[in-house]
Amino acid sequence: MIKNELIVIDDLVSIIMPCYNDAAYISDSINSVISQTYQNWELIIVDDFSVDDSKEIIRAHMNRDPRIKLIESNSNIGPGPSRNKGIKVSRGQYIAFLDSDDLWDNNKLDVQINLMKRKKIAFSFTSYRIMHGDKTSNTVIPVKKSVTYSDLLKINHIGCLTVVFDLKILNKKHFMPNLKRQQDLGLWLSILRRGERAIGCEQVLATYRVDKQKNMKKKFKAIYYRWKLFRKIECLSLLSTIYNFIIYLVLGSIKYLRYRS
């Protein structure tokens, strides 16, 4: 149950990191947080019942840095519910997301938080680059300067690893819907539905790791859950759903081809 009164620590960034069997990459992801020039953060890692060495690696980092916290799930619940667990216990004015195989540039939070403070922005995101396995590509996913609810229905311009939102402006915590896929988009829509705009920072400040083989399987599942999000969560009419879905299929295909380049 969420209390009506929102109590947060000023200027603290709560970074939410779900983890499932990412022993190969999670240390790099954690180190990209530790190396931030903006040092007022807490890293909340929610382990989703990993069976590899992920938890041991996380605990080793916790022993060296008390800002890192571990929440352990006793069953596999998926990335959306894992992120919600992290959001629920977060203490920061700002919420940010980083998956356990992705990376931040060391000035990411500094640039983004300063921009948000200066322009009184509730919700921001940045450009990011693509990495295939351990090889960084030349592909960059740029931002739009401003994104509305209507824009997001057509194509998700917002990379989860780049998002920061300000709870003091939003005045409450927002959570991801109970879907196996498309949970991040569901969260962005729930924020922008009130009339807020997400503001893009053009600087490339993060690196998204893509597994080409797994990515194709994810795309087919994403199509089903996008339809479910539109109909069951956003309660769009059938006509509106079809209209936005066709645009999503076209623009999403173009975006996917860029990922693979």
Protein backbone atom coordinates (compact mmCIF):
# COMPACT_ATOMS: atom_id res chain seq x y z
CA MET A 1 0.00 0.00 0.00
CA ILE A 2 1.47 3.38 -1.04
CA LYS A 3 1.15 6.17 1.52
CA ASN A 4 -0.29 9.43 0.34
CA GLU A 5 2.57 11.38 1.89
CA LEU A 6 5.69 11.26 -0.25
CA ILE A 7 8.90 11.40 1.81
CA VAL A 8 12.14 11.44 -0.15
CA ILE A 9 15.74 12.50 0.43
CA ASP A 10 16.54 15.67 -1.52
CA ASP A 11 18.98 15.25 -4.45
CA LEU A 12 19.46 11.52 -3.80
CA VAL A 13 19.22 9.36 -6.94
CA SER A 14 17.76 5.88 -6.39
CA ILE A 15 19.05 3.62 -9.15
CA ILE A 16 16.94 0.52 -9.73
CA MET A 17 18.76 -2.50 -11.20
CA PRO A 18 16.97 -5.82 -11.80
CA CYS A 19 19.30 -8.81 -12.19
CA TYR A 20 18.78 -12.33 -13.45
CA ASN A 21 21.81 -14.53 -14.17
CA ASP A 22 24.03 -11.64 -15.29
CA ALA A 23 27.28 -12.68 -13.61
CA ALA A 24 29.17 -12.02 -16.84
CA TYR A 25 28.26 -8.33 -16.98
CA ILE A 26 26.88 -7.06 -13.68
CA SER A 27 30.23 -6.03 -12.23
CA ASP A 28 30.79 -3.68 -15.19
CA SER A 29 27.30 -2.24 -14.74
CA ILE A 30 27.84 -1.64 -11.01
CA ASN A 31 31.24 -0.07 -11.66
CA SER A 32 29.67 2.33 -14.16
CA VAL A 33 27.47 3.56 -11.28
CA ILE A 34 30.33 3.75 -8.78
CA SER A 35 32.37 5.83 -11.24
CA GLN A 36 29.66 8.50 -11.59
CA THR A 37 30.85 12.04 -11.02
CA TYR A 38 27.49 12.61 -9.29
CA GLN A 39 28.01 10.65 -6.09
CA ASN A 40 24.74 11.18 -4.19
CA TRP A 41 23.06 7.90 -5.12
CA GLU A 42 21.86 4.56 -3.82
CA LEU A 43 21.95 1.47 -6.01
CA ILE A 44 19.09 -0.95 -5.32
CA ILE A 45 19.74 -4.29 -7.01
CA VAL A 46 16.82 -6.71 -7.10
CA ASP A 47 18.05 -10.23 -7.82
CA ASP A 48 15.32 -12.21 -9.58
CA PHE A 49 16.25 -15.66 -8.25
CA SER A 50 19.56 -15.95 -10.13
CA VAL A 51 21.21 -19.38 -10.18
CA ASP A 52 24.65 -18.19 -11.31
CA ASP A 53 27.23 -16.16 -9.33
CA SER A 54 25.36 -12.85 -9.62
CA LYS A 55 24.50 -12.55 -5.91
CA GLU A 56 28.08 -13.29 -4.82
CA ILE A 57 29.38 -10.57 -7.16
CA ILE A 58 26.78 -8.11 -5.84
CA ARG A 59 27.68 -8.87 -2.21
CA ALA A 60 31.36 -8.31 -2.95
CA HIS A 61 30.53 -4.83 -4.22
CA MET A 62 28.25 -4.21 -1.22
CA ASN A 63 31.15 -4.94 1.12
CA ARG A 64 33.13 -2.16 -0.55
CA ASP A 65 30.32 0.40 -0.96
CA PRO A 66 27.43 0.77 1.54
CA ARG A 67 25.34 2.67 -1.03
CA ILE A 68 24.70 -0.64 -2.82
CA LYS A 69 21.71 -2.63 -1.53
CA LEU A 70 20.48 -6.10 -2.48
CA ILE A 71 16.91 -7.36 -2.49
CA GLU A 72 16.55 -11.11 -3.16
CA SER A 73 13.39 -12.58 -4.66
CA ASN A 74 12.51 -16.12 -3.62
CA SER A 75 11.13 -16.92 -7.09
CA ASN A 76 11.57 -15.62 -10.62
CA ILE A 77 9.10 -12.73 -11.00
CA GLY A 78 10.44 -10.88 -14.05
CA PRO A 79 12.02 -7.45 -14.61
CA GLY A 80 8.88 -5.33 -14.13
CA PRO A 81 7.94 -6.63 -10.67
CA SER A 82 11.64 -6.59 -9.74
CA ARG A 83 11.90 -2.90 -10.62
CA ASN A 84 8.70 -2.23 -8.68
CA LYS A 85 10.27 -3.82 -5.59
CA GLY A 86 13.19 -1.42 -5.95
CA ILE A 87 10.97 1.62 -6.48
CA LYS A 88 8.92 0.70 -3.40
CA VAL A 89 11.93 0.83 -1.04
CA SER A 90 13.69 3.72 -2.80
CA ARG A 91 14.45 6.84 -0.75
CA GLY A 92 15.62 9.27 -3.42
CA GLN A 93 14.08 12.35 -4.95
CA TYR A 94 15.09 10.94 -8.32
CA ILE A 95 14.44 7.47 -9.75
CA ALA A 96 16.77 6.07 -12.43
CA PHE A 97 17.03 2.67 -14.11
CA LEU A 98 19.99 0.58 -15.24
CA ASP A 99 19.85 -3.07 -16.25
CA SER A 100 22.56 -5.43 -15.02
CA ASP A 101 24.22 -5.74 -18.44
CA ASP A 102 24.07 -2.08 -19.51
CA LEU A 103 26.48 0.79 -18.83
CA TRP A 104 26.44 4.49 -17.99
CA ASP A 105 29.04 7.08 -18.98
CA ASN A 106 30.64 8.49 -15.85
CA ASN A 107 29.03 11.94 -16.27
CA LYS A 108 25.53 10.59 -17.00
CA LEU A 109 23.85 11.56 -13.73
CA ASP A 110 25.73 14.85 -13.44
CA VAL A 111 24.58 16.05 -16.86
CA GLN A 112 21.02 14.80 -16.47
CA ILE A 113 20.32 15.93 -12.90
CA ASN A 114 21.78 19.39 -13.56
CA LEU A 115 19.59 19.72 -16.65
CA MET A 116 16.50 18.68 -14.71
CA LYS A 117 17.21 21.09 -11.88
CA ARG A 118 17.97 23.99 -14.19
CA LYS A 119 14.82 23.55 -16.29
CA LYS A 120 12.56 22.07 -13.57
CA ILE A 121 12.04 18.87 -15.58
CA ALA A 122 9.97 16.05 -14.09
CA PHE A 123 11.00 13.30 -16.54
CA SER A 124 14.10 13.15 -18.73
CA PHE A 125 15.92 10.66 -20.93
CA THR A 126 19.05 10.68 -23.08
CA SER A 127 20.53 9.33 -26.29
CA TYR A 128 22.41 6.03 -26.02
CA ARG A 129 24.72 3.80 -28.05
CA ILE A 130 24.35 0.13 -28.95
CA MET A 131 26.75 -2.66 -27.94
CA HIS A 132 26.60 -6.16 -29.42
CA GLY A 133 27.99 -8.53 -26.78
CA ASP A 134 31.30 -6.92 -25.85
CA LYS A 135 31.65 -4.90 -29.05
CA THR A 136 30.42 -1.31 -29.14
CA SER A 137 28.86 -0.43 -32.51
CA ASN A 138 28.62 2.94 -34.21
CA THR A 139 24.85 2.90 -33.81
CA VAL A 140 23.39 5.67 -31.67
CA ILE A 141 19.71 5.92 -30.73
CA PRO A 142 19.04 9.67 -30.63
CA VAL A 143 16.33 11.41 -28.63
CA LYS A 144 13.41 13.60 -29.51
CA LYS A 145 13.56 16.92 -27.68
CA SER A 146 10.11 16.35 -26.19
CA VAL A 147 7.84 13.30 -26.00
CA THR A 148 4.13 13.25 -25.16
CA TYR A 149 1.70 10.47 -24.28
CA SER A 150 0.44 10.45 -27.87
CA ASP A 151 4.00 10.15 -29.23
CA LEU A 152 4.72 7.14 -27.03
CA LEU A 153 1.68 5.27 -28.25
CA LYS A 154 3.26 5.25 -31.71
CA ILE A 155 6.85 4.39 -30.81
CA ASN A 156 8.80 4.16 -27.58
CA HIS A 157 11.47 6.82 -27.98
CA ILE A 158 12.72 6.31 -24.42
CA GLY A 159 15.52 3.93 -23.45
CA CYS A 160 14.88 2.58 -19.95
CA LEU A 161 18.58 2.79 -19.05
CA THR A 162 18.52 6.55 -19.71
CA VAL A 163 15.44 7.58 -17.72
CA VAL A 164 15.42 9.79 -14.62
CA PHE A 165 12.25 11.20 -13.07
CA ASP A 166 11.76 13.58 -10.16
CA LEU A 167 9.32 12.32 -7.53
CA LYS A 168 8.99 15.74 -5.91
CA ILE A 169 7.55 17.19 -9.11
CA LEU A 170 5.44 14.12 -9.91
CA ASN A 171 4.33 14.09 -6.25
CA LYS A 172 4.04 10.30 -6.03
CA LYS A 173 5.79 7.06 -6.89
CA HIS A 174 4.83 5.41 -10.16
CA PHE A 175 5.10 1.67 -10.79
CA MET A 176 5.32 -0.63 -13.80
CA PRO A 177 2.17 -2.52 -14.87
CA ASN A 178 1.90 -6.26 -14.33
CA LEU A 179 3.04 -7.35 -17.79
CA LYS A 180 5.84 -9.72 -18.80
CA ARG A 181 7.01 -7.31 -21.52
CA GLN A 182 6.55 -3.60 -22.28
CA GLN A 183 6.48 -2.73 -18.56
CA ASP A 184 8.81 0.23 -19.02
CA LEU A 185 6.57 1.74 -21.70
CA GLY A 186 3.61 1.19 -19.38
CA LEU A 187 5.36 3.22 -16.69
CA TRP A 188 6.24 6.07 -19.07
CA LEU A 189 2.63 6.19 -20.28
CA SER A 190 1.29 6.30 -16.71
CA ILE A 191 3.45 9.37 -16.03
CA LEU A 192 2.76 11.18 -19.30
CA ARG A 193 -0.97 10.43 -19.22
CA ARG A 194 -1.37 13.37 -16.79
CA GLY A 195 -0.08 15.77 -19.43
CA GLU A 196 3.59 15.72 -18.49
CA ARG A 197 6.23 15.72 -21.23
CA ALA A 198 9.43 13.68 -21.22
CA ILE A 199 12.38 15.89 -22.16
CA GLY A 200 15.26 14.48 -24.18
CA CYS A 201 18.94 15.22 -23.56
CA GLU A 202 20.82 14.87 -26.86
CA GLN A 203 24.10 13.78 -25.29
CA VAL A 204 24.94 10.08 -25.61
CA LEU A 205 25.33 9.03 -21.98
CA ALA A 206 24.66 5.28 -21.83
CA THR A 207 25.37 1.97 -23.57
CA TYR A 208 22.68 -0.63 -24.26
CA ARG A 209 23.86 -4.21 -24.70
CA VAL A 210 22.00 -6.21 -27.36
CA ASP A 211 22.02 -9.97 -27.79
CA LYS A 212 21.07 -10.37 -31.47
CA GLN A 213 19.71 -13.91 -31.09
CA LYS A 214 17.63 -13.20 -28.01
CA ASN A 215 16.52 -9.85 -29.38
CA MET A 216 14.52 -11.39 -32.24
CA LYS A 217 12.57 -13.59 -29.79
CA LYS A 218 11.93 -10.58 -27.58
CA LYS A 219 10.55 -8.58 -30.51
CA PHE A 220 7.84 -11.15 -31.27
CA LYS A 221 6.80 -11.23 -27.60
CA ALA A 222 6.89 -7.43 -27.45
CA ILE A 223 4.31 -7.20 -30.24
CA TYR A 224 1.79 -9.28 -28.27
CA TYR A 225 2.37 -7.38 -25.03
CA ARG A 226 2.20 -3.99 -26.77
CA TRP A 227 -1.32 -4.89 -27.95
CA LYS A 228 -2.20 -6.06 -24.44
CA LEU A 229 -0.83 -2.82 -22.95
CA PHE A 230 -2.93 -0.71 -25.29
CA ARG A 231 -6.15 -2.64 -24.72
CA LYS A 232 -5.98 -3.80 -21.10
CA ILE A 233 -3.84 -1.15 -19.35
CA GLU A 234 -4.40 2.01 -21.40
CA CYS A 235 -7.97 0.98 -22.32
CA LEU A 236 -7.69 2.38 -25.85
CA SER A 237 -10.55 1.81 -28.25
CA LEU A 238 -10.07 -0.87 -30.88
CA LEU A 239 -9.77 1.75 -33.64
CA SER A 240 -7.17 3.77 -31.69
CA THR A 241 -5.26 0.59 -30.87
CA ILE A 242 -5.12 -0.50 -34.52
CA TYR A 243 -4.05 2.98 -35.66
CA ASN A 244 -1.22 3.28 -33.14
CA PHE A 245 -0.25 -0.36 -33.57
CA ILE A 246 0.28 -0.05 -37.32
CA ILE A 247 2.53 2.98 -36.80
CA TYR A 248 4.39 1.09 -34.05
CA LEU A 249 5.03 -1.90 -36.34
CA VAL A 250 6.49 0.31 -39.07
CA LEU A 251 8.60 2.57 -36.85
CA GLY A 252 9.56 -0.30 -34.54
CA SER A 253 10.88 -2.33 -37.47
CA ILE A 254 13.07 0.58 -38.55
CA LYS A 255 14.39 0.96 -35.01
CA TYR A 256 15.07 -2.80 -34.75
CA LEU A 257 17.07 -2.77 -37.98
CA ARG A 258 19.23 0.01 -36.52
CA TYR A 259 19.89 -2.17 -33.45
CA ARG A 260 21.22 -4.93 -35.68
CA SER A 261 23.55 -2.69 -37.70
